[in-house]
Amino acid sequence: MALNLHKDLKQYYSIHEVAEQFHVAESLLRFWEQEFPSLKPHKAGRNVRQYTKDDIELIRVIYNLVKVRGLKIANAREMLKKNKSGAQNAGEAIERLQKVRQQLVDLRSSLNGLDPDLLPENNLKE
């Protein structure tokens, strides 16, 4: 059996790590725990929160509903209750589109640095 060097061996993430990942305050994550019953991170000794990858994916969905789409907490909670997979798929689509947009912006900026005479449309002149 080959050793998988790319495997993420970490099972739990601290509230600080998760807050940094989403660029939000730790208090917001604690607030969302109260507002969204399905978000229940494991609590170790002294009530230290330990988030799993599933918890982080749920936070990603909540973040997209509340912060990106601008839904109110009650509406986001209802949407999660009724159609969690639809909300999750929409969030994933938004993330993919944002990545594609960034790649296109990067490509445009790299093309802007080229000599215009080297571009294919400029070599078709007769």
Protein backbone atom coordinates (compact mmCIF):
# COMPACT_ATOMS: atom_id res chain seq x y z
CA MET A 1 0.00 0.00 0.00
CA ALA A 2 1.43 3.37 -1.07
CA LEU A 3 1.69 6.27 1.34
CA ASN A 4 -0.68 9.11 0.42
CA LEU A 5 1.25 12.31 1.10
CA HIS A 6 -1.60 14.59 0.00
CA LYS A 7 -4.14 13.20 2.42
CA ASP A 8 -5.39 15.70 4.98
CA LEU A 9 -4.96 13.92 8.29
CA LYS A 10 -6.54 16.65 10.39
CA GLN A 11 -9.93 15.62 11.80
CA TYR A 12 -10.85 18.71 13.79
CA TYR A 13 -10.39 22.44 13.28
CA SER A 14 -10.53 25.11 15.96
CA ILE A 15 -13.03 27.93 15.89
CA HIS A 16 -10.15 30.30 15.18
CA GLU A 17 -9.08 28.34 12.08
CA VAL A 18 -12.63 28.18 10.74
CA ALA A 19 -13.25 31.89 11.39
CA GLU A 20 -10.04 32.76 9.52
CA GLN A 21 -11.04 30.54 6.61
CA PHE A 22 -14.29 32.48 6.12
CA HIS A 23 -12.94 35.88 7.22
CA VAL A 24 -15.57 36.20 9.95
CA ALA A 25 -15.47 36.70 13.71
CA GLU A 26 -15.52 33.71 16.03
CA SER A 27 -18.58 35.20 17.71
CA LEU A 28 -20.46 34.94 14.41
CA LEU A 29 -19.79 31.20 14.29
CA ARG A 30 -21.05 30.83 17.86
CA PHE A 31 -24.14 32.86 16.92
CA TRP A 32 -24.78 30.63 13.90
CA GLU A 33 -24.61 27.58 16.18
CA GLN A 34 -27.56 29.01 18.10
CA GLU A 35 -29.51 29.94 14.97
CA PHE A 36 -28.92 26.80 12.90
CA PRO A 37 -29.72 23.61 14.85
CA SER A 38 -27.87 21.41 12.35
CA LEU A 39 -24.57 23.17 13.14
CA LYS A 40 -23.26 21.39 16.20
CA PRO A 41 -19.48 21.14 16.43
CA HIS A 42 -17.97 18.67 18.85
CA LYS A 43 -17.08 20.26 22.17
CA ALA A 44 -14.02 18.96 23.98
CA GLY A 45 -13.00 19.75 27.54
CA ARG A 46 -13.68 23.31 28.70
CA ASN A 47 -16.22 23.65 25.84
CA VAL A 48 -13.53 24.00 23.18
CA ARG A 49 -15.25 23.71 19.80
CA GLN A 50 -13.87 21.23 17.31
CA TYR A 51 -15.21 21.52 13.78
CA THR A 52 -15.17 18.59 11.35
CA LYS A 53 -15.02 18.91 7.57
CA ASP A 54 -18.81 18.34 7.49
CA ASP A 55 -19.29 21.22 9.93
CA ILE A 56 -17.13 23.42 7.72
CA GLU A 57 -19.16 22.49 4.63
CA LEU A 58 -22.36 23.43 6.48
CA ILE A 59 -20.77 26.74 7.50
CA ARG A 60 -19.85 27.29 3.84
CA VAL A 61 -23.51 26.83 2.86
CA ILE A 62 -24.70 29.14 5.66
CA TYR A 63 -22.08 31.72 4.69
CA ASN A 64 -23.22 31.66 1.06
CA LEU A 65 -26.86 32.02 2.04
CA VAL A 66 -26.36 34.80 4.58
CA LYS A 67 -23.29 36.71 3.44
CA VAL A 68 -23.19 36.15 -0.32
CA ARG A 69 -26.89 35.95 -1.19
CA GLY A 70 -27.96 38.28 1.62
CA LEU A 71 -30.74 36.15 3.09
CA LYS A 72 -32.01 36.87 6.57
CA ILE A 73 -31.19 34.26 9.21
CA ALA A 74 -34.77 32.97 9.39
CA ASN A 75 -34.97 32.58 5.61
CA ALA A 76 -31.59 30.84 5.45
CA ARG A 77 -32.63 28.48 8.26
CA GLU A 78 -35.86 27.65 6.41
CA MET A 79 -34.02 27.09 3.14
CA LEU A 80 -31.58 24.72 4.85
CA LYS A 81 -34.42 22.85 6.46
CA LYS A 82 -36.37 22.42 3.22
CA ASN A 83 -33.63 22.04 0.64
CA LYS A 84 -30.16 21.59 2.08
CA SER A 85 -28.72 19.89 -1.01
CA GLY A 86 -30.07 22.62 -3.31
CA ALA A 87 -28.55 25.33 -1.14
CA GLN A 88 -25.26 23.46 -1.00
CA ASN A 89 -25.19 22.95 -4.79
CA ALA A 90 -25.90 26.64 -5.38
CA GLY A 91 -23.04 27.58 -3.05
CA GLU A 92 -20.66 25.23 -4.84
CA ALA A 93 -21.69 26.66 -8.22
CA ILE A 94 -21.05 30.20 -6.98
CA GLU A 95 -17.59 29.21 -5.75
CA ARG A 96 -16.71 27.56 -9.08
CA LEU A 97 -17.90 30.60 -11.01
CA GLN A 98 -15.83 32.90 -8.80
CA LYS A 99 -12.73 30.77 -9.45
CA VAL A 100 -13.36 30.78 -13.21
CA ARG A 101 -13.85 34.56 -13.13
CA GLN A 102 -10.55 34.99 -11.30
CA GLN A 103 -8.79 32.81 -13.86
CA LEU A 104 -10.24 34.91 -16.69
CA VAL A 105 -9.14 38.13 -14.97
CA ASP A 106 -5.64 36.70 -14.55
CA LEU A 107 -5.58 35.62 -18.19
CA ARG A 108 -6.71 39.06 -19.39
CA SER A 109 -4.05 40.80 -17.31
CA SER A 110 -1.35 38.49 -18.69
CA LEU A 111 -2.55 39.13 -22.25
CA ASN A 112 -2.50 42.87 -21.68
CA GLY A 113 1.23 42.61 -21.08
CA LEU A 114 1.87 41.04 -24.52
CA ASP A 115 2.95 42.89 -27.62
CA PRO A 116 -0.26 43.54 -29.66
CA ASP A 117 1.51 42.56 -32.90
CA LEU A 118 2.00 39.04 -31.54
CA LEU A 119 -1.71 38.38 -30.97
CA PRO A 120 -3.35 36.08 -33.57
CA GLU A 121 -6.08 38.54 -34.64
CA ASN A 122 -3.45 41.15 -35.53
CA ASN A 123 -1.52 38.71 -37.77
CA LEU A 124 -4.51 38.15 -40.09
CA LYS A 125 -4.15 41.56 -41.77
CA GLU A 126 -3.77 41.55 -45.52
